[in-house]
Amino acid sequence: MIILVKGSTIQSKNVARDFTQGLKTLVGGELTAYNNMMNEARALATKRMVEEANTLGADAVVNIRYASSAIMQGAAEVIAYGTAVRFV
């Protein structure tokens, strides 16, 4: 069995985080709050992808990829996708 599986989530910024990170852009540096938000979104998308693979009876997921895109002002989708395989 070889089948494409995916998991996704849509995350939005909260007002407090957006304000503090907006101030950070004035002085430069890493936007750690957004970094953490995207790491959590990738983890959730990965978890959902693995759950889909488990539902299909897969033994593993290979060739995993991640993508993100803006959905609307202040919201982004993160998707994880890969090939679910079953060993014979």
PDB file of N, CA and C in Angstrom:
ATOM      1  N   MET A   1       0.836  -1.174   0.000  1.00  0.00           N
ATOM      2  CA  MET A   1       0.000   0.000   0.000  1.00  0.00           C
ATOM      3  C   MET A   1       0.887   1.246   0.000  1.00  0.00           C
ATOM      4  N   ILE A   2       0.601   2.152  -0.890  1.00  0.00           N
ATOM      5  CA  ILE A   2       1.266   3.457  -0.933  1.00  0.00           C
ATOM      6  C   ILE A   2       0.168   4.484  -1.149  1.00  0.00           C
ATOM      7  N   ILE A   3       0.021   5.390  -0.203  1.00  0.00           N
ATOM      8  CA  ILE A   3      -1.066   6.368  -0.265  1.00  0.00           C
ATOM      9  C   ILE A   3      -0.618   7.688   0.344  1.00  0.00           C
ATOM     10  N   LEU A   4      -1.078   8.789  -0.205  1.00  0.00           N
ATOM     11  CA  LEU A   4      -0.754  10.113   0.327  1.00  0.00           C
ATOM     12  C   LEU A   4      -1.612  10.380   1.566  1.00  0.00           C
ATOM     13  N   VAL A   5      -0.962  10.812   2.647  1.00  0.00           N
ATOM     14  CA  VAL A   5      -1.683  11.202   3.860  1.00  0.00           C
ATOM     15  C   VAL A   5      -1.298  12.639   4.203  1.00  0.00           C
ATOM     16  N   LYS A   6      -2.199  13.314   4.907  1.00  0.00           N
ATOM     17  CA  LYS A   6      -1.915  14.702   5.253  1.00  0.00           C
ATOM     18  C   LYS A   6      -2.584  15.053   6.559  1.00  0.00           C
ATOM     19  N   GLY A   7      -2.092  16.122   7.138  1.00  0.00           N
ATOM     20  CA  GLY A   7      -2.693  16.698   8.332  1.00  0.00           C
ATOM     21  C   GLY A   7      -2.486  18.196   8.247  1.00  0.00           C
ATOM     22  N   SER A   8      -3.437  18.956   8.746  1.00  0.00           N
ATOM     23  CA  SER A   8      -3.277  20.407   8.665  1.00  0.00           C
ATOM     24  C   SER A   8      -3.928  21.089   9.856  1.00  0.00           C
ATOM     25  N   THR A   9      -3.573  22.330  10.036  1.00  0.00           N
ATOM     26  CA  THR A   9      -4.176  23.181  11.049  1.00  0.00           C
ATOM     27  C   THR A   9      -4.092  24.623  10.563  1.00  0.00           C
ATOM     28  N   ILE A  10      -5.021  25.429  11.033  1.00  0.00           N
ATOM     29  CA  ILE A  10      -4.989  26.857  10.736  1.00  0.00           C
ATOM     30  C   ILE A  10      -4.827  27.582  12.062  1.00  0.00           C
ATOM     31  N   GLN A  11      -3.811  28.407  12.130  1.00  0.00           N
ATOM     32  CA  GLN A  11      -3.505  29.155  13.350  1.00  0.00           C
ATOM     33  C   GLN A  11      -3.692  30.645  13.085  1.00  0.00           C
ATOM     34  N   SER A  12      -4.142  31.345  14.097  1.00  0.00           N
ATOM     35  CA  SER A  12      -4.251  32.802  13.978  1.00  0.00           C
ATOM     36  C   SER A  12      -3.484  33.458  15.114  1.00  0.00           C
ATOM     37  N   LYS A  13      -3.067  34.667  14.863  1.00  0.00           N
ATOM     38  CA  LYS A  13      -2.351  35.438  15.869  1.00  0.00           C
ATOM     39  C   LYS A  13      -3.351  35.945  16.894  1.00  0.00           C
ATOM     40  N   ASN A  14      -2.892  36.080  18.149  1.00  0.00           N
ATOM     41  CA  ASN A  14      -3.768  36.750  19.100  1.00  0.00           C
ATOM     42  C   ASN A  14      -3.308  38.201  19.234  1.00  0.00           C
ATOM     43  N   VAL A  15      -4.171  39.043  19.689  1.00  0.00           N
ATOM     44  CA  VAL A  15      -3.912  40.484  19.696  1.00  0.00           C
ATOM     45  C   VAL A  15      -2.686  40.833  20.533  1.00  0.00           C
ATOM     46  N   ALA A  16      -2.557  40.252  21.721  1.00  0.00           N
ATOM     47  CA  ALA A  16      -1.418  40.570  22.594  1.00  0.00           C
ATOM     48  C   ALA A  16      -0.108  40.143  21.944  1.00  0.00           C
ATOM     49  N   ARG A  17      -0.087  38.941  21.380  1.00  0.00           N
ATOM     50  CA  ARG A  17       1.121  38.442  20.723  1.00  0.00           C
ATOM     51  C   ARG A  17       1.463  39.312  19.522  1.00  0.00           C
ATOM     52  N   ASP A  18       0.461  39.693  18.756  1.00  0.00           N
ATOM     53  CA  ASP A  18       0.687  40.524  17.581  1.00  0.00           C
ATOM     54  C   ASP A  18       1.276  41.877  17.981  1.00  0.00           C
ATOM     55  N   PHE A  19       0.768  42.456  19.061  1.00  0.00           N
ATOM     56  CA  PHE A  19       1.263  43.755  19.507  1.00  0.00           C
ATOM     57  C   PHE A  19       2.723  43.666  19.945  1.00  0.00           C
ATOM     58  N   THR A  20       3.042  42.684  20.777  1.00  0.00           N
ATOM     59  CA  THR A  20       4.419  42.569  21.275  1.00  0.00           C
ATOM     60  C   THR A  20       5.397  42.219  20.163  1.00  0.00           C
ATOM     61  N   GLN A  21       4.975  41.366  19.244  1.00  0.00           N
ATOM     62  CA  GLN A  21       5.858  41.007  18.149  1.00  0.00           C
ATOM     63  C   GLN A  21       6.004  42.163  17.167  1.00  0.00           C
ATOM     64  N   GLY A  22       4.962  42.986  17.041  1.00  0.00           N
ATOM     65  CA  GLY A  22       5.052  44.185  16.206  1.00  0.00           C
ATOM     66  C   GLY A  22       6.085  45.156  16.747  1.00  0.00           C
ATOM     67  N   LEU A  23       6.139  45.297  18.059  1.00  0.00           N
ATOM     68  CA  LEU A  23       7.159  46.151  18.670  1.00  0.00           C
ATOM     69  C   LEU A  23       8.556  45.586  18.420  1.00  0.00           C
ATOM     70  N   LYS A  24       8.674  44.272  18.420  1.00  0.00           N
ATOM     71  CA  LYS A  24       9.972  43.613  18.204  1.00  0.00           C
ATOM     72  C   LYS A  24      10.513  43.933  16.810  1.00  0.00           C
ATOM     73  N   THR A  25       9.636  44.131  15.838  1.00  0.00           N
ATOM     74  CA  THR A  25      10.112  44.422  14.480  1.00  0.00           C
ATOM     75  C   THR A  25      10.810  45.773  14.403  1.00  0.00           C
ATOM     76  N   LEU A  26      10.553  46.637  15.367  1.00  0.00           N
ATOM     77  CA  LEU A  26      11.215  47.944  15.374  1.00  0.00           C
ATOM     78  C   LEU A  26      12.705  47.826  15.692  1.00  0.00           C
ATOM     79  N   VAL A  27      13.060  46.864  16.541  1.00  0.00           N
ATOM     80  CA  VAL A  27      14.460  46.718  16.949  1.00  0.00           C
ATOM     81  C   VAL A  27      15.148  45.533  16.285  1.00  0.00           C
ATOM     82  N   GLY A  28      14.377  44.666  15.660  1.00  0.00           N
ATOM     83  CA  GLY A  28      14.947  43.508  14.985  1.00  0.00           C
ATOM     84  C   GLY A  28      15.101  42.323  15.917  1.00  0.00           C
ATOM     85  N   GLY A  29      15.420  41.191  15.343  1.00  0.00           N
ATOM     86  CA  GLY A  29      15.614  39.977  16.119  1.00  0.00           C
ATOM     87  C   GLY A  29      14.562  38.935  15.811  1.00  0.00           C
ATOM     88  N   GLU A  30      14.708  37.814  16.475  1.00  0.00           N
ATOM     89  CA  GLU A  30      13.808  36.682  16.251  1.00  0.00           C
ATOM     90  C   GLU A  30      12.456  36.936  16.899  1.00  0.00           C
ATOM     91  N   LEU A  31      11.405  36.604  16.200  1.00  0.00           N
ATOM     92  CA  LEU A  31      10.043  36.726  16.714  1.00  0.00           C
ATOM     93  C   LEU A  31       9.667  35.401  17.376  1.00  0.00           C
ATOM     94  N   THR A  32      10.104  35.223  18.604  1.00  0.00           N
ATOM     95  CA  THR A  32       9.983  33.919  19.270  1.00  0.00           C
ATOM     96  C   THR A  32       8.538  33.484  19.484  1.00  0.00           C
ATOM     97  N   ALA A  33       7.632  34.393  19.733  1.00  0.00           N
ATOM     98  CA  ALA A  33       6.231  34.010  19.927  1.00  0.00           C
ATOM     99  C   ALA A  33       5.664  33.389  18.651  1.00  0.00           C
ATOM    100  N   TYR A  34       5.991  33.980  17.503  1.00  0.00           N
ATOM    101  CA  TYR A  34       5.529  33.407  16.232  1.00  0.00           C
ATOM    102  C   TYR A  34       6.261  32.106  15.921  1.00  0.00           C
ATOM    103  N   ASN A  35       7.533  32.056  16.265  1.00  0.00           N
ATOM    104  CA  ASN A  35       8.300  30.839  16.076  1.00  0.00           C
ATOM    105  C   ASN A  35       7.648  29.689  16.843  1.00  0.00           C
ATOM    106  N   ASN A  36       7.309  29.947  18.100  1.00  0.00           N
ATOM    107  CA  ASN A  36       6.655  28.926  18.925  1.00  0.00           C
ATOM    108  C   ASN A  36       5.302  28.530  18.358  1.00  0.00           C
ATOM    109  N   MET A  37       4.534  29.514  17.884  1.00  0.00           N
ATOM    110  CA  MET A  37       3.227  29.222  17.304  1.00  0.00           C
ATOM    111  C   MET A  37       3.367  28.309  16.082  1.00  0.00           C
ATOM    112  N   MET A  38       4.350  28.594  15.225  1.00  0.00           N
ATOM    113  CA  MET A  38       4.530  27.767  14.030  1.00  0.00           C
ATOM    114  C   MET A  38       5.045  26.372  14.389  1.00  0.00           C
ATOM    115  N   ASN A  39       5.915  26.253  15.399  1.00  0.00           N
ATOM    116  CA  ASN A  39       6.370  24.940  15.843  1.00  0.00           C
ATOM    117  C   ASN A  39       5.205  24.107  16.357  1.00  0.00           C
ATOM    118  N   GLU A  40       4.316  24.719  17.137  1.00  0.00           N
ATOM    119  CA  GLU A  40       3.132  24.011  17.631  1.00  0.00           C
ATOM    120  C   GLU A  40       2.214  23.609  16.479  1.00  0.00           C
ATOM    121  N   ALA A  41       2.065  24.478  15.490  1.00  0.00           N
ATOM    122  CA  ALA A  41       1.219  24.177  14.339  1.00  0.00           C
ATOM    123  C   ALA A  41       1.794  23.006  13.539  1.00  0.00           C
ATOM    124  N   ARG A  42       3.125  22.990  13.332  1.00  0.00           N
ATOM    125  CA  ARG A  42       3.744  21.861  12.620  1.00  0.00           C
ATOM    126  C   ARG A  42       3.553  20.561  13.383  1.00  0.00           C
ATOM    127  N   ALA A  43       3.707  20.611  14.710  1.00  0.00           N
ATOM    128  CA  ALA A  43       3.530  19.406  15.528  1.00  0.00           C
ATOM    129  C   ALA A  43       2.096  18.880  15.431  1.00  0.00           C
ATOM    130  N   LEU A  44       1.120  19.772  15.471  1.00  0.00           N
ATOM    131  CA  LEU A  44      -0.278  19.363  15.364  1.00  0.00           C
ATOM    132  C   LEU A  44      -0.586  18.791  13.982  1.00  0.00           C
ATOM    133  N   ALA A  45      -0.088  19.430  12.931  1.00  0.00           N
ATOM    134  CA  ALA A  45      -0.300  18.925  11.572  1.00  0.00           C
ATOM    135  C   ALA A  45       0.340  17.544  11.413  1.00  0.00           C
ATOM    136  N   THR A  46       1.532  17.363  11.980  1.00  0.00           N
ATOM    137  CA  THR A  46       2.209  16.060  11.910  1.00  0.00           C
ATOM    138  C   THR A  46       1.394  15.000  12.640  1.00  0.00           C
ATOM    139  N   LYS A  47       0.901  15.338  13.822  1.00  0.00           N
ATOM    140  CA  LYS A  47       0.090  14.395  14.609  1.00  0.00           C
ATOM    141  C   LYS A  47      -1.145  13.965  13.815  1.00  0.00           C
ATOM    142  N   ARG A  48      -1.798  14.906  13.179  1.00  0.00           N
ATOM    143  CA  ARG A  48      -2.992  14.578  12.387  1.00  0.00           C
ATOM    144  C   ARG A  48      -2.656  13.711  11.183  1.00  0.00           C
ATOM    145  N   MET A  49      -1.499  13.961  10.562  1.00  0.00           N
ATOM    146  CA  MET A  49      -1.067  13.136   9.429  1.00  0.00           C
ATOM    147  C   MET A  49      -0.822  11.694   9.891  1.00  0.00           C
ATOM    148  N   VAL A  50      -0.140  11.537  11.021  1.00  0.00           N
ATOM    149  CA  VAL A  50       0.154  10.197  11.555  1.00  0.00           C
ATOM    150  C   VAL A  50      -1.143   9.478  11.923  1.00  0.00           C
ATOM    151  N   GLU A  51      -2.090  10.204  12.498  1.00  0.00           N
ATOM    152  CA  GLU A  51      -3.386   9.599  12.825  1.00  0.00           C
ATOM    153  C   GLU A  51      -4.092   9.077  11.579  1.00  0.00           C
ATOM    154  N   GLU A  52      -4.028   9.846  10.490  1.00  0.00           N
ATOM    155  CA  GLU A  52      -4.645   9.394   9.238  1.00  0.00           C
ATOM    156  C   GLU A  52      -3.946   8.136   8.731  1.00  0.00           C
ATOM    157  N   ALA A  53      -2.618   8.119   8.811  1.00  0.00           N
ATOM    158  CA  ALA A  53      -1.864   6.936   8.368  1.00  0.00           C
ATOM    159  C   ALA A  53      -2.218   5.722   9.222  1.00  0.00           C
ATOM    160  N   ASN A  54      -2.337   5.918  10.528  1.00  0.00           N
ATOM    161  CA  ASN A  54      -2.715   4.804  11.413  1.00  0.00           C
ATOM    162  C   ASN A  54      -4.099   4.275  11.081  1.00  0.00           C
ATOM    163  N   THR A  55      -5.027   5.163  10.770  1.00  0.00           N
ATOM    164  CA  THR A  55      -6.381   4.770  10.393  1.00  0.00           C
ATOM    165  C   THR A  55      -6.368   3.879   9.151  1.00  0.00           C
ATOM    166  N   LEU A  56      -5.432   4.152   8.250  1.00  0.00           N
ATOM    167  CA  LEU A  56      -5.326   3.365   7.014  1.00  0.00           C
ATOM    168  C   LEU A  56      -4.514   2.081   7.205  1.00  0.00           C
ATOM    169  N   GLY A  57      -3.984   1.873   8.404  1.00  0.00           N
ATOM    170  CA  GLY A  57      -3.200   0.669   8.665  1.00  0.00           C
ATOM    171  C   GLY A  57      -1.769   0.755   8.172  1.00  0.00           C
ATOM    172  N   ALA A  58      -1.256   1.938   7.996  1.00  0.00           N
ATOM    173  CA  ALA A  58       0.116   2.102   7.500  1.00  0.00           C
ATOM    174  C   ALA A  58       1.121   1.750   8.594  1.00  0.00           C
ATOM    175  N   ASP A  59       2.299   1.302   8.157  1.00  0.00           N
ATOM    176  CA  ASP A  59       3.392   1.009   9.080  1.00  0.00           C
ATOM    177  C   ASP A  59       4.311   2.214   9.268  1.00  0.00           C
ATOM    178  N   ALA A  60       4.343   3.106   8.285  1.00  0.00           N
ATOM    179  CA  ALA A  60       5.235   4.264   8.355  1.00  0.00           C
ATOM    180  C   ALA A  60       4.762   5.334   7.378  1.00  0.00           C
ATOM    181  N   VAL A  61       5.278   6.529   7.584  1.00  0.00           N
ATOM    182  CA  VAL A  61       5.071   7.625   6.639  1.00  0.00           C
ATOM    183  C   VAL A  61       6.456   8.078   6.206  1.00  0.00           C
ATOM    184  N   VAL A  62       6.685   8.101   4.910  1.00  0.00           N
ATOM    185  CA  VAL A  62       7.992   8.496   4.380  1.00  0.00           C
ATOM    186  C   VAL A  62       7.845   9.740   3.510  1.00  0.00           C
ATOM    187  N   ASN A  63       8.980  10.373   3.244  1.00  0.00           N
ATOM    188  CA  ASN A  63       9.032  11.547   2.375  1.00  0.00           C
ATOM    189  C   ASN A  63       8.086  12.653   2.858  1.00  0.00           C
ATOM    190  N   ILE A  64       8.181  12.975   4.141  1.00  0.00           N
ATOM    191  CA  ILE A  64       7.299  13.975   4.744  1.00  0.00           C
ATOM    192  C   ILE A  64       7.721  15.379   4.310  1.00  0.00           C
ATOM    193  N   ARG A  65       6.732  16.190   4.003  1.00  0.00           N
ATOM    194  CA  ARG A  65       6.947  17.576   3.607  1.00  0.00           C
ATOM    195  C   ARG A  65       6.030  18.468   4.425  1.00  0.00           C
ATOM    196  N   TYR A  66       6.436  19.725   4.564  1.00  0.00           N
ATOM    197  CA  TYR A  66       5.633  20.734   5.254  1.00  0.00           C
ATOM    198  C   TYR A  66       5.459  21.930   4.327  1.00  0.00           C
ATOM    199  N   ALA A  67       4.298  22.556   4.430  1.00  0.00           N
ATOM    200  CA  ALA A  67       4.043  23.779   3.669  1.00  0.00           C
ATOM    201  C   ALA A  67       3.168  24.685   4.527  1.00  0.00           C
ATOM    202  N   SER A  68       3.248  25.965   4.260  1.00  0.00           N
ATOM    203  CA  SER A  68       2.369  26.908   4.956  1.00  0.00           C
ATOM    204  C   SER A  68       1.909  27.961   3.962  1.00  0.00           C
ATOM    205  N   SER A  69       0.754  28.519   4.254  1.00  0.00           N
ATOM    206  CA  SER A  69       0.230  29.567   3.387  1.00  0.00           C
ATOM    207  C   SER A  69      -0.683  30.474   4.192  1.00  0.00           C
ATOM    208  N   ALA A  70      -0.768  31.714   3.775  1.00  0.00           N
ATOM    209  CA  ALA A  70      -1.662  32.670   4.424  1.00  0.00           C
ATOM    210  C   ALA A  70      -3.082  32.371   3.978  1.00  0.00           C
ATOM    211  N   ILE A  71      -3.982  32.281   4.921  1.00  0.00           N
ATOM    212  CA  ILE A  71      -5.386  32.027   4.621  1.00  0.00           C
ATOM    213  C   ILE A  71      -6.146  33.343   4.532  1.00  0.00           C
ATOM    214  N   MET A  72      -5.836  34.226   5.462  1.00  0.00           N
ATOM    215  CA  MET A  72      -6.440  35.553   5.519  1.00  0.00           C
ATOM    216  C   MET A  72      -5.521  36.413   6.353  1.00  0.00           C
ATOM    217  N   GLN A  73      -5.822  37.671   6.500  1.00  0.00           N
ATOM    218  CA  GLN A  73      -5.007  38.566   7.322  1.00  0.00           C
ATOM    219  C   GLN A  73      -4.897  38.000   8.734  1.00  0.00           C
ATOM    220  N   GLY A  74      -3.686  37.670   9.153  1.00  0.00           N
ATOM    221  CA  GLY A  74      -3.468  37.202  10.518  1.00  0.00           C
ATOM    222  C   GLY A  74      -3.679  35.721  10.752  1.00  0.00           C
ATOM    223  N   ALA A  75      -3.880  34.918   9.708  1.00  0.00           N
ATOM    224  CA  ALA A  75      -4.077  33.472   9.881  1.00  0.00           C
ATOM    225  C   ALA A  75      -3.296  32.719   8.816  1.00  0.00           C
ATOM    226  N   ALA A  76      -2.720  31.600   9.228  1.00  0.00           N
ATOM    227  CA  ALA A  76      -1.937  30.787   8.302  1.00  0.00           C
ATOM    228  C   ALA A  76      -2.276  29.309   8.476  1.00  0.00           C
ATOM    229  N   GLU A  77      -2.228  28.574   7.382  1.00  0.00           N
ATOM    230  CA  GLU A  77      -2.406  27.126   7.416  1.00  0.00           C
ATOM    231  C   GLU A  77      -1.039  26.474   7.359  1.00  0.00           C
ATOM    232  N   VAL A  78      -0.859  25.439   8.156  1.00  0.00           N
ATOM    233  CA  VAL A  78       0.329  24.602   8.084  1.00  0.00           C
ATOM    234  C   VAL A  78      -0.159  23.210   7.724  1.00  0.00           C
ATOM    235  N   ILE A  79       0.463  22.606   6.722  1.00  0.00           N
ATOM    236  CA  ILE A  79       0.095  21.259   6.290  1.00  0.00           C
ATOM    237  C   ILE A  79       1.319  20.367   6.282  1.00  0.00           C
ATOM    238  N   ALA A  80       1.138  19.158   6.735  1.00  0.00           N
ATOM    239  CA  ALA A  80       2.176  18.128   6.678  1.00  0.00           C
ATOM    240  C   ALA A  80       1.624  17.022   5.782  1.00  0.00           C
ATOM    241  N   TYR A  81       2.441  16.543   4.863  1.00  0.00           N
ATOM    242  CA  TYR A  81       1.963  15.454   4.001  1.00  0.00           C
ATOM    243  C   TYR A  81       3.126  14.524   3.684  1.00  0.00           C
ATOM    244  N   GLY A  82       2.768  13.296   3.417  1.00  0.00           N
ATOM    245  CA  GLY A  82       3.789  12.298   3.114  1.00  0.00           C
ATOM    246  C   GLY A  82       3.146  11.055   2.514  1.00  0.00           C
ATOM    247  N   THR A  83       3.967  10.050   2.293  1.00  0.00           N
ATOM    248  CA  THR A  83       3.512   8.800   1.698  1.00  0.00           C
ATOM    249  C   THR A  83       3.408   7.746   2.786  1.00  0.00           C
ATOM    250  N   ALA A  84       2.196   7.258   2.990  1.00  0.00           N
ATOM    251  CA  ALA A  84       1.975   6.184   3.953  1.00  0.00           C
ATOM    252  C   ALA A  84       2.288   4.859   3.260  1.00  0.00           C
ATOM    253  N   VAL A  85       3.026   3.998   3.947  1.00  0.00           N
ATOM    254  CA  VAL A  85       3.404   2.704   3.373  1.00  0.00           C
ATOM    255  C   VAL A  85       3.089   1.592   4.350  1.00  0.00           C
ATOM    256  N   ARG A  86       2.834   0.428   3.808  1.00  0.00           N
ATOM    257  CA  ARG A  86       2.644  -0.778   4.614  1.00  0.00           C
ATOM    258  C   ARG A  86       3.669  -1.805   4.121  1.00  0.00           C
ATOM    259  N   PHE A  87       4.414  -2.345   5.055  1.00  0.00           N
ATOM    260  CA  PHE A  87       5.416  -3.356   4.706  1.00  0.00           C
ATOM    261  C   PHE A  87       4.742  -4.705   4.519  1.00  0.00           C
ATOM    262  N   VAL A  88       5.216  -5.440   3.552  1.00  0.00           N
ATOM    263  CA  VAL A  88       4.633  -6.743   3.245  1.00  0.00           C
ATOM    264  C   VAL A  88       5.473  -7.849   3.802  1.00  0.00           C
TER     265      VAL A  88
END
